[in-house]
Amino acid sequence: MPAALNNLTDSIFDLALSNRSSPLVRKKALVCLSRMLRKDPNQFDVKKIFSPLSDIFEGKNSSTLSLVSGGASLLLTVLNLVNSDQLK
């Protein structure tokens, strides 16, 4: 993967799963991350996604309905693409 694309991927991953940006930006980054994951499933470490996603679903740090919706989209994508062996 080219370095510029790798930097963009890291930035989107950080925007989607950190609490530093607004819920609207995070939701859009979650949906983008979901699409990127569908395009290239081997691009991300799936285990790094679950902990921040659980914070969204548990309502930590002011989760909104749109943020939960974006998180659900990413979670469904992850569950559809990975083998259960990868989650252990």
C-alpha atoms as a PDB file:
ATOM      1  CA  MET A   1       0.000   0.000   0.000  1.00  0.00           C
ATOM      2  CA  PRO A   2       1.367   3.463  -0.839  1.00  0.00           C
ATOM      3  CA  ALA A   3       2.478   5.591   2.102  1.00  0.00           C
ATOM      4  CA  ALA A   4      -0.082   8.338   1.431  1.00  0.00           C
ATOM      5  CA  LEU A   5      -2.930   5.824   1.414  1.00  0.00           C
ATOM      6  CA  ASN A   6      -1.590   4.240   4.596  1.00  0.00           C
ATOM      7  CA  ASN A   7      -1.533   7.681   6.290  1.00  0.00           C
ATOM      8  CA  LEU A   8      -5.098   8.360   5.155  1.00  0.00           C
ATOM      9  CA  THR A   9      -6.226   4.990   6.476  1.00  0.00           C
ATOM     10  CA  ASP A  10      -4.584   5.676   9.823  1.00  0.00           C
ATOM     11  CA  SER A  11      -6.233   9.103   9.994  1.00  0.00           C
ATOM     12  CA  ILE A  12      -9.695   7.710   9.256  1.00  0.00           C
ATOM     13  CA  PHE A  13      -9.173   4.906  11.774  1.00  0.00           C
ATOM     14  CA  ASP A  14      -8.159   7.481  14.389  1.00  0.00           C
ATOM     15  CA  LEU A  15     -11.106   9.793  13.616  1.00  0.00           C
ATOM     16  CA  ALA A  16     -13.599   6.939  13.767  1.00  0.00           C
ATOM     17  CA  LEU A  17     -12.464   5.286  16.958  1.00  0.00           C
ATOM     18  CA  SER A  18     -11.145   8.111  19.128  1.00  0.00           C
ATOM     19  CA  ASN A  19     -13.118  10.573  21.217  1.00  0.00           C
ATOM     20  CA  ARG A  20     -11.293  13.663  19.964  1.00  0.00           C
ATOM     21  CA  SER A  21     -13.661  14.538  17.134  1.00  0.00           C
ATOM     22  CA  SER A  22     -17.357  15.420  17.058  1.00  0.00           C
ATOM     23  CA  PRO A  23     -19.976  12.636  16.869  1.00  0.00           C
ATOM     24  CA  LEU A  24     -20.901  13.628  13.304  1.00  0.00           C
ATOM     25  CA  VAL A  25     -17.307  13.387  12.093  1.00  0.00           C
ATOM     26  CA  ARG A  26     -16.877  10.085  13.942  1.00  0.00           C
ATOM     27  CA  LYS A  27     -20.047   8.664  12.363  1.00  0.00           C
ATOM     28  CA  LYS A  28     -18.882   9.577   8.869  1.00  0.00           C
ATOM     29  CA  ALA A  29     -15.436   8.133   9.586  1.00  0.00           C
ATOM     30  CA  LEU A  30     -17.040   4.899  10.896  1.00  0.00           C
ATOM     31  CA  VAL A  31     -19.044   4.506   7.686  1.00  0.00           C
ATOM     32  CA  CYS A  32     -15.941   5.274   5.616  1.00  0.00           C
ATOM     33  CA  LEU A  33     -13.939   2.751   7.627  1.00  0.00           C
ATOM     34  CA  SER A  34     -16.661   0.183   7.027  1.00  0.00           C
ATOM     35  CA  ARG A  35     -16.449   0.746   3.272  1.00  0.00           C
ATOM     36  CA  MET A  36     -12.660   0.582   3.323  1.00  0.00           C
ATOM     37  CA  LEU A  37     -12.811  -2.664   5.268  1.00  0.00           C
ATOM     38  CA  ARG A  38     -15.211  -4.177   2.737  1.00  0.00           C
ATOM     39  CA  LYS A  39     -12.839  -3.218  -0.051  1.00  0.00           C
ATOM     40  CA  ASP A  40      -9.713  -4.650   1.605  1.00  0.00           C
ATOM     41  CA  PRO A  41     -10.459  -6.823   4.680  1.00  0.00           C
ATOM     42  CA  ASN A  42      -6.769  -7.454   5.410  1.00  0.00           C
ATOM     43  CA  GLN A  43      -6.037  -3.747   5.785  1.00  0.00           C
ATOM     44  CA  PHE A  44      -6.935  -3.532   9.501  1.00  0.00           C
ATOM     45  CA  ASP A  45      -6.342  -5.527  12.635  1.00  0.00           C
ATOM     46  CA  VAL A  46      -9.873  -6.493  13.596  1.00  0.00           C
ATOM     47  CA  LYS A  47      -9.001  -6.887  17.273  1.00  0.00           C
ATOM     48  CA  LYS A  48      -8.163  -3.161  17.514  1.00  0.00           C
ATOM     49  CA  ILE A  49     -11.666  -2.228  16.357  1.00  0.00           C
ATOM     50  CA  PHE A  50     -13.744  -3.992  19.009  1.00  0.00           C
ATOM     51  CA  SER A  51     -12.663  -2.134  22.150  1.00  0.00           C
ATOM     52  CA  PRO A  52     -13.403   1.384  20.816  1.00  0.00           C
ATOM     53  CA  LEU A  53     -16.659   0.120  19.301  1.00  0.00           C
ATOM     54  CA  SER A  54     -17.770  -1.212  22.661  1.00  0.00           C
ATOM     55  CA  ASP A  55     -17.305   2.298  24.098  1.00  0.00           C
ATOM     56  CA  ILE A  56     -19.701   3.625  21.452  1.00  0.00           C
ATOM     57  CA  PHE A  57     -22.347   1.021  22.233  1.00  0.00           C
ATOM     58  CA  GLU A  58     -21.990   1.437  25.990  1.00  0.00           C
ATOM     59  CA  GLY A  59     -22.694   5.152  25.631  1.00  0.00           C
ATOM     60  CA  LYS A  60     -19.349   6.313  26.988  1.00  0.00           C
ATOM     61  CA  ASN A  61     -18.322   9.868  26.096  1.00  0.00           C
ATOM     62  CA  SER A  62     -21.703  11.061  24.810  1.00  0.00           C
ATOM     63  CA  SER A  63     -22.577   8.585  22.077  1.00  0.00           C
ATOM     64  CA  THR A  64     -25.418   9.773  19.861  1.00  0.00           C
ATOM     65  CA  LEU A  65     -27.855   7.726  17.836  1.00  0.00           C
ATOM     66  CA  SER A  66     -26.046   8.549  14.591  1.00  0.00           C
ATOM     67  CA  LEU A  67     -22.737   7.477  16.130  1.00  0.00           C
ATOM     68  CA  VAL A  68     -24.273   4.191  17.282  1.00  0.00           C
ATOM     69  CA  SER A  69     -25.678   3.716  13.771  1.00  0.00           C
ATOM     70  CA  GLY A  70     -22.227   4.204  12.236  1.00  0.00           C
ATOM     71  CA  GLY A  71     -20.745   1.836  14.815  1.00  0.00           C
ATOM     72  CA  ALA A  72     -23.361  -0.786  13.971  1.00  0.00           C
ATOM     73  CA  SER A  73     -22.496  -0.472  10.290  1.00  0.00           C
ATOM     74  CA  LEU A  74     -18.823  -1.079  11.037  1.00  0.00           C
ATOM     75  CA  LEU A  75     -19.584  -3.940  13.423  1.00  0.00           C
ATOM     76  CA  LEU A  76     -21.778  -5.722  10.879  1.00  0.00           C
ATOM     77  CA  THR A  77     -19.095  -5.321   8.229  1.00  0.00           C
ATOM     78  CA  VAL A  78     -16.440  -6.763  10.534  1.00  0.00           C
ATOM     79  CA  LEU A  79     -18.633  -9.699  11.519  1.00  0.00           C
ATOM     80  CA  ASN A  80     -19.437 -10.474   7.880  1.00  0.00           C
ATOM     81  CA  LEU A  81     -15.819 -10.403   6.741  1.00  0.00           C
ATOM     82  CA  VAL A  82     -13.835 -12.170   9.426  1.00  0.00           C
ATOM     83  CA  ASN A  83     -13.605 -15.763  10.470  1.00  0.00           C
ATOM     84  CA  SER A  84     -14.499 -16.552  14.056  1.00  0.00           C
ATOM     85  CA  ASP A  85     -10.909 -17.777  14.518  1.00  0.00           C
ATOM     86  CA  GLN A  86      -9.613 -14.232  13.977  1.00  0.00           C
ATOM     87  CA  LEU A  87     -11.611 -12.917  16.925  1.00  0.00           C
ATOM     88  CA  LYS A  88      -9.944 -15.136  19.510  1.00  0.00           C
END
